[in-house]
Amino acid sequence: MTKKQLQAQRSREMASIYAVMIAVILLILLQFLLLMVALEGFAAGHWGILGPAAGGSFACFVGSCWLVRYVSAPARGGR
């Protein structure tokens, strides 16, 4: 590969890493919002909101783990 091709490939990889980082940040913000809703519902005595908030938080966690796995895959040599 030429130097330009290597630079273009690295640029594409960095763009995908940045996109994954933004998605993880958005998932963390959503998870924080779910935590605030759950705590507010708990303080108000609304027990019904705790289950869906915990499920949504778990889904955010799983999504973040999947995205982080995607980012670490190129370092291992494949996706």
C-alpha atoms as a PDB file:
ATOM      1  CA  MET A   1       0.000   0.000   0.000  1.00  0.00           C
ATOM      2  CA  THR A   2       1.110   3.487  -0.689  1.00  0.00           C
ATOM      3  CA  LYS A   3       1.381   6.157   1.964  1.00  0.00           C
ATOM      4  CA  LYS A   4      -1.799   7.870   0.732  1.00  0.00           C
ATOM      5  CA  GLN A   5      -3.774   4.631   0.883  1.00  0.00           C
ATOM      6  CA  LEU A   6      -2.596   3.951   4.416  1.00  0.00           C
ATOM      7  CA  GLN A   7      -3.489   7.484   5.440  1.00  0.00           C
ATOM      8  CA  ALA A   8      -6.952   7.164   3.860  1.00  0.00           C
ATOM      9  CA  GLN A   9      -7.555   3.828   5.621  1.00  0.00           C
ATOM     10  CA  ARG A  10      -6.509   5.280   8.963  1.00  0.00           C
ATOM     11  CA  SER A  11      -8.765   8.269   8.366  1.00  0.00           C
ATOM     12  CA  ARG A  12     -11.744   5.958   7.728  1.00  0.00           C
ATOM     13  CA  GLU A  13     -10.968   3.956  10.869  1.00  0.00           C
ATOM     14  CA  MET A  14     -10.730   7.114  12.972  1.00  0.00           C
ATOM     15  CA  ALA A  15     -14.035   8.378  11.575  1.00  0.00           C
ATOM     16  CA  SER A  16     -15.751   5.141  12.603  1.00  0.00           C
ATOM     17  CA  ILE A  17     -14.158   5.322  16.056  1.00  0.00           C
ATOM     18  CA  TYR A  18     -15.394   8.887  16.499  1.00  0.00           C
ATOM     19  CA  ALA A  19     -18.894   7.847  15.421  1.00  0.00           C
ATOM     20  CA  VAL A  20     -18.877   5.017  17.963  1.00  0.00           C
ATOM     21  CA  MET A  21     -17.643   7.385  20.670  1.00  0.00           C
ATOM     22  CA  ILE A  22     -20.517   9.787  19.966  1.00  0.00           C
ATOM     23  CA  ALA A  23     -23.020   6.926  20.070  1.00  0.00           C
ATOM     24  CA  VAL A  24     -21.629   5.697  23.409  1.00  0.00           C
ATOM     25  CA  ILE A  25     -21.818   9.224  24.850  1.00  0.00           C
ATOM     26  CA  LEU A  26     -25.460   9.475  23.749  1.00  0.00           C
ATOM     27  CA  LEU A  27     -26.225   6.100  25.335  1.00  0.00           C
ATOM     28  CA  ILE A  28     -24.584   7.192  28.584  1.00  0.00           C
ATOM     29  CA  LEU A  29     -26.637  10.406  28.587  1.00  0.00           C
ATOM     30  CA  LEU A  30     -29.798   8.382  27.994  1.00  0.00           C
ATOM     31  CA  GLN A  31     -28.826   6.034  30.814  1.00  0.00           C
ATOM     32  CA  PHE A  32     -28.305   9.004  33.130  1.00  0.00           C
ATOM     33  CA  LEU A  33     -31.733  10.342  32.156  1.00  0.00           C
ATOM     34  CA  LEU A  34     -33.263   6.949  32.968  1.00  0.00           C
ATOM     35  CA  LEU A  35     -31.525   7.001  36.345  1.00  0.00           C
ATOM     36  CA  MET A  36     -32.969  10.428  37.123  1.00  0.00           C
ATOM     37  CA  VAL A  37     -36.467   9.307  36.115  1.00  0.00           C
ATOM     38  CA  ALA A  38     -36.163   6.163  38.233  1.00  0.00           C
ATOM     39  CA  LEU A  39     -34.956   8.101  41.273  1.00  0.00           C
ATOM     40  CA  GLU A  40     -37.692  10.697  40.897  1.00  0.00           C
ATOM     41  CA  GLY A  41     -40.303   7.950  40.578  1.00  0.00           C
ATOM     42  CA  PHE A  42     -38.882   6.149  43.592  1.00  0.00           C
ATOM     43  CA  ALA A  43     -38.952   9.354  45.665  1.00  0.00           C
ATOM     44  CA  ALA A  44     -42.564   9.993  44.633  1.00  0.00           C
ATOM     45  CA  GLY A  45     -43.600   6.432  45.471  1.00  0.00           C
ATOM     46  CA  HIS A  46     -44.255   5.331  41.873  1.00  0.00           C
ATOM     47  CA  TRP A  47     -42.818   1.821  41.952  1.00  0.00           C
ATOM     48  CA  GLY A  48     -44.071   0.946  38.464  1.00  0.00           C
ATOM     49  CA  ILE A  49     -41.420   3.075  36.737  1.00  0.00           C
ATOM     50  CA  LEU A  50     -38.462   1.231  38.267  1.00  0.00           C
ATOM     51  CA  GLY A  51     -38.754  -1.904  36.118  1.00  0.00           C
ATOM     52  CA  PRO A  52     -38.929  -0.194  32.727  1.00  0.00           C
ATOM     53  CA  ALA A  53     -36.180   2.245  33.725  1.00  0.00           C
ATOM     54  CA  ALA A  54     -33.934  -0.646  34.783  1.00  0.00           C
ATOM     55  CA  GLY A  55     -34.696  -2.469  31.513  1.00  0.00           C
ATOM     56  CA  GLY A  56     -33.884   0.601  29.447  1.00  0.00           C
ATOM     57  CA  SER A  57     -30.697   1.160  31.403  1.00  0.00           C
ATOM     58  CA  PHE A  58     -29.678  -2.450  30.811  1.00  0.00           C
ATOM     59  CA  ALA A  59     -30.356  -2.028  27.080  1.00  0.00           C
ATOM     60  CA  CYS A  60     -28.123   1.075  27.052  1.00  0.00           C
ATOM     61  CA  PHE A  61     -25.403  -0.908  28.837  1.00  0.00           C
ATOM     62  CA  VAL A  62     -25.598  -3.773  26.347  1.00  0.00           C
ATOM     63  CA  GLY A  63     -25.519  -1.321  23.429  1.00  0.00           C
ATOM     64  CA  SER A  64     -22.471   0.430  24.838  1.00  0.00           C
ATOM     65  CA  CYS A  65     -20.664  -2.874  25.359  1.00  0.00           C
ATOM     66  CA  TRP A  66     -21.434  -3.917  21.796  1.00  0.00           C
ATOM     67  CA  LEU A  67     -20.129  -0.607  20.431  1.00  0.00           C
ATOM     68  CA  VAL A  68     -16.934  -0.791  22.487  1.00  0.00           C
ATOM     69  CA  ARG A  69     -16.373  -4.315  21.173  1.00  0.00           C
ATOM     70  CA  TYR A  70     -16.678  -2.925  17.638  1.00  0.00           C
ATOM     71  CA  VAL A  71     -14.000  -0.335  18.338  1.00  0.00           C
ATOM     72  CA  SER A  72     -11.568  -2.816  19.867  1.00  0.00           C
ATOM     73  CA  ALA A  73     -11.988  -5.311  16.998  1.00  0.00           C
ATOM     74  CA  PRO A  74      -9.686  -3.517  14.491  1.00  0.00           C
ATOM     75  CA  ALA A  75      -6.874  -3.666  17.052  1.00  0.00           C
ATOM     76  CA  ARG A  76      -7.186  -7.470  16.996  1.00  0.00           C
ATOM     77  CA  GLY A  77      -6.999  -7.586  13.233  1.00  0.00           C
ATOM     78  CA  GLY A  78     -10.619  -7.979  12.181  1.00  0.00           C
ATOM     79  CA  ARG A  79     -14.240  -7.174  12.797  1.00  0.00           C
END
